[in-house]
PDB file of N, CA and C in Angstrom:
ATOM      1  N   MET A   1     -48.390-126.617  79.460  1.00  0.00           N
ATOM      2  CA  MET A   1     -47.732-127.500  79.038  1.00  0.00           C
ATOM      3  C   MET A   1     -47.689-127.469  77.463  1.00  0.00           C
ATOM      4  N   GLU A   2     -48.126-126.350  76.742  1.00  0.00           N
ATOM      5  CA  GLU A   2     -47.633-126.341  75.475  1.00  0.00           C
ATOM      6  C   GLU A   2     -46.425-125.398  75.376  1.00  0.00           C
ATOM      7  N   ILE A   3     -46.026-124.618  76.041  1.00  0.00           N
ATOM      8  CA  ILE A   3     -44.641-124.091  76.175  1.00  0.00           C
ATOM      9  C   ILE A   3     -43.508-125.520  76.261  1.00  0.00           C
ATOM     10  N   GLN A   4     -44.144-126.072  77.295  1.00  0.00           N
ATOM     11  CA  GLN A   4     -43.208-126.956  77.574  1.00  0.00           C
ATOM     12  C   GLN A   4     -42.837-127.991  76.303  1.00  0.00           C
ATOM     13  N   LYS A   5     -44.288-128.149  75.423  1.00  0.00           N
ATOM     14  CA  LYS A   5     -44.234-129.326  74.271  1.00  0.00           C
ATOM     15  C   LYS A   5     -42.978-128.799  73.148  1.00  0.00           C
ATOM     16  N   GLU A   6     -43.330-127.463  73.016  1.00  0.00           N
ATOM     17  CA  GLU A   6     -42.747-126.962  71.942  1.00  0.00           C
ATOM     18  C   GLU A   6     -41.287-126.354  72.065  1.00  0.00           C
ATOM     19  N   PHE A   7     -40.920-125.625  73.528  1.00  0.00           N
ATOM     20  CA  PHE A   7     -39.437-125.028  73.811  1.00  0.00           C
ATOM     21  C   PHE A   7     -38.658-126.341  74.808  1.00  0.00           C
ATOM     22  N   GLY A   8     -39.135-126.819  74.898  1.00  0.00           N
ATOM     23  CA  GLY A   8     -38.742-128.490  76.719  1.00  0.00           C
ATOM     24  C   GLY A   8     -38.920-128.161  77.410  1.00  0.00           C
ATOM     25  N   SER A   9     -38.961-126.644  77.968  1.00  0.00           N
ATOM     26  CA  SER A   9     -39.107-126.313  79.558  1.00  0.00           C
ATOM     27  C   SER A   9     -39.664-124.879  79.405  1.00  0.00           C
ATOM     28  N   PHE A  10     -40.136-124.146  80.583  1.00  0.00           N
ATOM     29  CA  PHE A  10     -40.536-122.816  80.773  1.00  0.00           C
ATOM     30  C   PHE A  10     -39.357-121.947  80.944  1.00  0.00           C
ATOM     31  N   SER A  11     -38.346-122.349  81.242  1.00  0.00           N
ATOM     32  CA  SER A  11     -36.908-121.482  81.509  1.00  0.00           C
ATOM     33  C   SER A  11     -36.485-121.424  80.072  1.00  0.00           C
ATOM     34  N   ASN A  12     -36.308-122.374  79.106  1.00  0.00           N
ATOM     35  CA  ASN A  12     -35.856-122.366  77.856  1.00  0.00           C
ATOM     36  C   ASN A  12     -36.843-121.739  76.744  1.00  0.00           C
ATOM     37  N   TYR A  13     -38.408-121.438  77.274  1.00  0.00           N
ATOM     38  CA  TYR A  13     -39.095-120.119  76.519  1.00  0.00           C
ATOM     39  C   TYR A  13     -38.505-119.045  76.698  1.00  0.00           C
ATOM     40  N   LEU A  14     -38.081-118.539  78.477  1.00  0.00           N
ATOM     41  CA  LEU A  14     -38.143-117.357  78.846  1.00  0.00           C
ATOM     42  C   LEU A  14     -36.840-116.990  78.208  1.00  0.00           C
ATOM     43  N   ARG A  15     -35.712-117.469  78.252  1.00  0.00           N
ATOM     44  CA  ARG A  15     -34.191-117.621  77.453  1.00  0.00           C
ATOM     45  C   ARG A  15     -34.505-116.761  76.144  1.00  0.00           C
ATOM     46  N   THR A  16     -35.393-117.993  74.944  1.00  0.00           N
ATOM     47  CA  THR A  16     -35.774-117.098  73.932  1.00  0.00           C
ATOM     48  C   THR A  16     -36.099-115.563  73.915  1.00  0.00           C
ATOM     49  N   PHE A  17     -36.546-114.891  74.733  1.00  0.00           N
ATOM     50  CA  PHE A  17     -36.439-113.417  74.696  1.00  0.00           C
ATOM     51  C   PHE A  17     -35.620-112.632  75.730  1.00  0.00           C
ATOM     52  N   LEU A  18     -34.277-113.397  75.875  1.00  0.00           N
ATOM     53  CA  LEU A  18     -33.096-112.467  76.699  1.00  0.00           C
ATOM     54  C   LEU A  18     -32.011-112.349  75.904  1.00  0.00           C
ATOM     55  N   PRO A  19     -31.429-111.605  75.214  1.00  0.00           N
ATOM     56  CA  PRO A  19     -30.191-111.356  74.748  1.00  0.00           C
ATOM     57  C   PRO A  19     -29.575-111.953  74.697  1.00  0.00           C
ATOM     58  N   GLU A  20     -29.211-112.991  73.513  1.00  0.00           N
ATOM     59  CA  GLU A  20     -27.960-113.857  73.778  1.00  0.00           C
ATOM     60  C   GLU A  20     -28.624-115.058  74.603  1.00  0.00           C
ATOM     61  N   GLY A  21     -29.693-115.381  74.752  1.00  0.00           N
ATOM     62  CA  GLY A  21     -29.975-116.412  75.944  1.00  0.00           C
ATOM     63  C   GLY A  21     -29.006-115.808  77.752  1.00  0.00           C
ATOM     64  N   LYS A  22     -28.630-114.955  77.651  1.00  0.00           N
ATOM     65  CA  LYS A  22     -28.029-114.575  79.418  1.00  0.00           C
ATOM     66  C   LYS A  22     -28.992-113.115  79.665  1.00  0.00           C
ATOM     67  N   PRO A  23     -28.605-113.538  81.053  1.00  0.00           N
ATOM     68  CA  PRO A  23     -29.192-112.500  81.964  1.00  0.00           C
ATOM     69  C   PRO A  23     -29.206-110.735  81.326  1.00  0.00           C
ATOM     70  N   ILE A  24     -30.062-110.120  81.572  1.00  0.00           N
ATOM     71  CA  ILE A  24     -30.222-108.593  81.411  1.00  0.00           C
ATOM     72  C   ILE A  24     -29.507-108.012  82.592  1.00  0.00           C
ATOM     73  N   ASN A  25     -28.456-107.101  82.445  1.00  0.00           N
ATOM     74  CA  ASN A  25     -27.643-106.426  83.410  1.00  0.00           C
ATOM     75  C   ASN A  25     -28.290-105.011  83.609  1.00  0.00           C
ATOM     76  N   ASN A  26     -28.999-104.630  84.290  1.00  0.00           N
ATOM     77  CA  ASN A  26     -29.618-103.002  84.240  1.00  0.00           C
ATOM     78  C   ASN A  26     -28.819-102.570  85.559  1.00  0.00           C
ATOM     79  N   HIS A  27     -28.343-101.120  84.962  1.00  0.00           N
ATOM     80  CA  HIS A  27     -27.845-100.312  85.995  1.00  0.00           C
ATOM     81  C   HIS A  27     -28.223 -99.284  86.773  1.00  0.00           C
ATOM     82  N   TRP A  28     -29.279 -99.694  87.253  1.00  0.00           N
ATOM     83  CA  TRP A  28     -30.237 -98.686  88.239  1.00  0.00           C
ATOM     84  C   TRP A  28     -29.377 -98.232  89.040  1.00  0.00           C
ATOM     85  N   LYS A  29     -29.402 -96.494  89.716  1.00  0.00           N
ATOM     86  CA  LYS A  29     -28.423 -96.032  90.482  1.00  0.00           C
ATOM     87  C   LYS A  29     -29.547 -96.013  92.163  1.00  0.00           C
ATOM     88  N   THR A  30     -30.730 -96.132  91.667  1.00  0.00           N
ATOM     89  CA  THR A  30     -31.649 -95.161  93.078  1.00  0.00           C
ATOM     90  C   THR A  30     -32.864 -96.465  92.260  1.00  0.00           C
ATOM     91  N   LEU A  31     -33.523 -96.992  93.178  1.00  0.00           N
ATOM     92  CA  LEU A  31     -34.434 -97.632  93.900  1.00  0.00           C
ATOM     93  C   LEU A  31     -35.871 -96.836  92.826  1.00  0.00           C
ATOM     94  N   SER A  32     -35.781 -95.932  92.768  1.00  0.00           N
ATOM     95  CA  SER A  32     -36.952 -95.238  92.375  1.00  0.00           C
ATOM     96  C   SER A  32     -36.806 -95.012  90.853  1.00  0.00           C
ATOM     97  N   GLU A  33     -35.634 -96.053  90.276  1.00  0.00           N
ATOM     98  CA  GLU A  33     -35.036 -95.599  88.781  1.00  0.00           C
ATOM     99  C   GLU A  33     -35.675 -97.292  88.369  1.00  0.00           C
ATOM    100  N   VAL A  34     -36.271 -97.853  89.121  1.00  0.00           N
ATOM    101  CA  VAL A  34     -36.257 -99.414  88.695  1.00  0.00           C
ATOM    102  C   VAL A  34     -38.077 -99.297  88.581  1.00  0.00           C
ATOM    103  N   PRO A  35     -38.380 -99.709  87.152  1.00  0.00           N
ATOM    104  CA  PRO A  35     -39.265 -99.955  86.860  1.00  0.00           C
ATOM    105  C   PRO A  35     -40.088-100.862  87.420  1.00  0.00           C
ATOM    106  N   SER A  36     -41.764-100.723  87.722  1.00  0.00           N
ATOM    107  CA  SER A  36     -42.809-102.006  87.784  1.00  0.00           C
ATOM    108  C   SER A  36     -42.746-103.003  86.365  1.00  0.00           C
ATOM    109  N   SER A  37     -42.663-102.293  85.331  1.00  0.00           N
ATOM    110  CA  SER A  37     -42.520-103.411  83.978  1.00  0.00           C
ATOM    111  C   SER A  37     -41.238-103.092  83.239  1.00  0.00           C
ATOM    112  N   THR A  38     -41.431-103.487  82.104  1.00  0.00           N
ATOM    113  CA  THR A  38     -40.290-103.092  80.807  1.00  0.00           C
ATOM    114  C   THR A  38     -41.207-103.357  79.718  1.00  0.00           C
ATOM    115  N   PRO A  39     -40.159-102.958  78.670  1.00  0.00           N
ATOM    116  CA  PRO A  39     -41.198-103.203  77.266  1.00  0.00           C
ATOM    117  C   PRO A  39     -41.196-105.017  76.943  1.00  0.00           C
ATOM    118  N   LEU A  40     -39.895-105.073  77.142  1.00  0.00           N
ATOM    119  CA  LEU A  40     -39.712-106.618  77.360  1.00  0.00           C
ATOM    120  C   LEU A  40     -40.769-107.601  78.085  1.00  0.00           C
ATOM    121  N   SER A  41     -40.986-106.931  79.389  1.00  0.00           N
ATOM    122  CA  SER A  41     -41.687-107.985  80.376  1.00  0.00           C
ATOM    123  C   SER A  41     -43.586-107.653  79.917  1.00  0.00           C
ATOM    124  N   GLU A  42     -43.911-106.619  78.829  1.00  0.00           N
ATOM    125  CA  GLU A  42     -44.839-106.494  78.275  1.00  0.00           C
ATOM    126  C   GLU A  42     -45.233-107.544  77.378  1.00  0.00           C
ATOM    127  N   THR A  43     -43.457-107.762  76.354  1.00  0.00           N
ATOM    128  CA  THR A  43     -44.045-108.497  75.085  1.00  0.00           C
ATOM    129  C   THR A  43     -43.694-109.962  75.909  1.00  0.00           C
ATOM    130  N   ILE A  44     -43.735-110.210  76.577  1.00  0.00           N
ATOM    131  CA  ILE A  44     -43.339-111.434  77.026  1.00  0.00           C
ATOM    132  C   ILE A  44     -45.103-111.994  77.803  1.00  0.00           C
ATOM    133  N   ALA A  45     -45.095-111.442  78.357  1.00  0.00           N
ATOM    134  CA  ALA A  45     -47.008-111.083  79.025  1.00  0.00           C
ATOM    135  C   ALA A  45     -47.797-111.375  77.644  1.00  0.00           C
ATOM    136  N   LYS A  46     -47.517-110.608  76.880  1.00  0.00           N
ATOM    137  CA  LYS A  46     -48.531-110.733  75.346  1.00  0.00           C
ATOM    138  C   LYS A  46     -48.575-112.284  74.949  1.00  0.00           C
ATOM    139  N   ASP A  47     -47.135-112.771  74.365  1.00  0.00           N
ATOM    140  CA  ASP A  47     -46.914-113.809  73.889  1.00  0.00           C
ATOM    141  C   ASP A  47     -47.426-114.885  74.817  1.00  0.00           C
ATOM    142  N   MET A  48     -47.306-115.275  76.586  1.00  0.00           N
ATOM    143  CA  MET A  48     -47.833-115.578  77.328  1.00  0.00           C
ATOM    144  C   MET A  48     -49.140-116.257  77.256  1.00  0.00           C
ATOM    145  N   LYS A  49     -50.017-115.148  76.694  1.00  0.00           N
ATOM    146  CA  LYS A  49     -51.388-114.787  76.745  1.00  0.00           C
ATOM    147  C   LYS A  49     -51.933-115.161  75.375  1.00  0.00           C
ATOM    148  N   LYS A  50     -51.445-115.762  74.546  1.00  0.00           N
ATOM    149  CA  LYS A  50     -51.379-116.518  73.408  1.00  0.00           C
ATOM    150  C   LYS A  50     -51.081-117.448  73.674  1.00  0.00           C
ATOM    151  N   HIS A  51     -50.388-118.559  74.553  1.00  0.00           N
ATOM    152  CA  HIS A  51     -50.213-119.529  75.064  1.00  0.00           C
ATOM    153  C   HIS A  51     -51.133-119.999  75.786  1.00  0.00           C
ATOM    154  N   GLY A  52     -51.688-119.132  76.210  1.00  0.00           N
ATOM    155  CA  GLY A  52     -52.805-119.903  77.018  1.00  0.00           C
ATOM    156  C   GLY A  52     -52.905-119.388  78.648  1.00  0.00           C
ATOM    157  N   PHE A  53     -51.922-118.364  78.652  1.00  0.00           N
ATOM    158  CA  PHE A  53     -52.127-117.861  80.288  1.00  0.00           C
ATOM    159  C   PHE A  53     -52.286-116.882  80.382  1.00  0.00           C
ATOM    160  N   LYS A  54     -53.424-116.936  81.780  1.00  0.00           N
ATOM    161  CA  LYS A  54     -54.661-115.722  82.084  1.00  0.00           C
ATOM    162  C   LYS A  54     -54.194-115.077  82.896  1.00  0.00           C
ATOM    163  N   PHE A  55     -53.329-115.286  83.699  1.00  0.00           N
ATOM    164  CA  PHE A  55     -52.673-114.015  84.645  1.00  0.00           C
ATOM    165  C   PHE A  55     -51.566-114.245  84.991  1.00  0.00           C
ATOM    166  N   PHE A  56     -50.721-113.339  84.203  1.00  0.00           N
ATOM    167  CA  PHE A  56     -49.319-113.165  84.113  1.00  0.00           C
ATOM    168  C   PHE A  56     -49.191-111.976  82.878  1.00  0.00           C
ATOM    169  N   GLY A  57     -49.460-110.819  83.774  1.00  0.00           N
ATOM    170  CA  GLY A  57     -48.698-109.446  83.319  1.00  0.00           C
ATOM    171  C   GLY A  57     -47.500-109.222  83.014  1.00  0.00           C
ATOM    172  N   PRO A  58     -47.576-107.742  82.856  1.00  0.00           N
ATOM    173  CA  PRO A  58     -45.938-107.576  82.370  1.00  0.00           C
ATOM    174  C   PRO A  58     -45.238-107.131  83.881  1.00  0.00           C
ATOM    175  N   VAL A  59     -46.392-106.896  85.009  1.00  0.00           N
ATOM    176  CA  VAL A  59     -45.770-106.723  86.131  1.00  0.00           C
ATOM    177  C   VAL A  59     -45.304-107.776  87.037  1.00  0.00           C
ATOM    178  N   ILE A  60     -46.260-108.445  86.743  1.00  0.00           N
ATOM    179  CA  ILE A  60     -45.728-110.040  87.427  1.00  0.00           C
ATOM    180  C   ILE A  60     -44.424-110.952  86.153  1.00  0.00           C
ATOM    181  N   CYS A  61     -44.722-110.380  84.971  1.00  0.00           N
ATOM    182  CA  CYS A  61     -43.271-111.378  84.149  1.00  0.00           C
ATOM    183  C   CYS A  61     -42.221-110.366  85.193  1.00  0.00           C
ATOM    184  N   TYR A  62     -42.125-109.019  85.059  1.00  0.00           N
ATOM    185  CA  TYR A  62     -40.519-108.415  85.304  1.00  0.00           C
ATOM    186  C   TYR A  62     -40.336-108.887  86.997  1.00  0.00           C
ATOM    187  N   ALA A  63     -41.398-109.019  87.917  1.00  0.00           N
ATOM    188  CA  ALA A  63     -41.052-109.534  89.344  1.00  0.00           C
ATOM    189  C   ALA A  63     -40.455-110.568  89.190  1.00  0.00           C
ATOM    190  N   PHE A  64     -40.884-112.043  88.427  1.00  0.00           N
ATOM    191  CA  PHE A  64     -40.610-112.832  88.059  1.00  0.00           C
ATOM    192  C   PHE A  64     -39.064-113.088  87.560  1.00  0.00           C
ATOM    193  N   PHE A  65     -38.827-112.161  86.335  1.00  0.00           N
ATOM    194  CA  PHE A  65     -37.676-112.198  86.130  1.00  0.00           C
ATOM    195  C   PHE A  65     -36.641-111.513  87.245  1.00  0.00           C
ATOM    196  N   THR A  66     -36.670-110.442  87.842  1.00  0.00           N
ATOM    197  CA  THR A  66     -36.035-110.132  88.770  1.00  0.00           C
ATOM    198  C   THR A  66     -35.560-111.109  89.774  1.00  0.00           C
ATOM    199  N   GLY A  67     -36.790-112.219  90.150  1.00  0.00           N
ATOM    200  CA  GLY A  67     -36.773-112.609  91.327  1.00  0.00           C
ATOM    201  C   GLY A  67     -35.750-114.072  90.878  1.00  0.00           C
ATOM    202  N   ASN A  68     -36.161-114.207  89.770  1.00  0.00           N
ATOM    203  CA  ASN A  68     -35.065-115.283  89.350  1.00  0.00           C
ATOM    204  C   ASN A  68     -33.972-115.381  88.353  1.00  0.00           C
ATOM    205  N   TRP A  69     -33.076-113.832  88.974  1.00  0.00           N
ATOM    206  CA  TRP A  69     -31.698-113.648  88.324  1.00  0.00           C
ATOM    207  C   TRP A  69     -31.899-113.717  86.600  1.00  0.00           C
ATOM    208  N   LEU A  70     -32.853-113.216  86.264  1.00  0.00           N
ATOM    209  CA  LEU A  70     -32.873-113.395  84.536  1.00  0.00           C
ATOM    210  C   LEU A  70     -32.280-111.790  84.552  1.00  0.00           C
ATOM    211  N   CYS A  71     -32.994-110.948  85.037  1.00  0.00           N
ATOM    212  CA  CYS A  71     -32.828-109.437  85.110  1.00  0.00           C
ATOM    213  C   CYS A  71     -31.924-109.138  86.454  1.00  0.00           C
ATOM    214  N   LYS A  72     -31.151-108.362  86.695  1.00  0.00           N
ATOM    215  CA  LYS A  72     -30.519-107.672  87.583  1.00  0.00           C
ATOM    216  C   LYS A  72     -30.506-106.216  87.994  1.00  0.00           C
TER     217      LYS A  72
END
């Protein structure tokens, strides 16, 4: 609720971390290159903990981003 009050929506909050508010286009050539987390997902996870989230680490964050087309 805190994030919604501050940013208007969870989506708006997440977009503040994206360059120019646009999805990140990765260029992995093989599946083995795809990381389980990234420095960006670690940053977001730390910030979310500051906002009161308890079960949202960097791996879950990166999976959420890729699953919602915020990272391709």
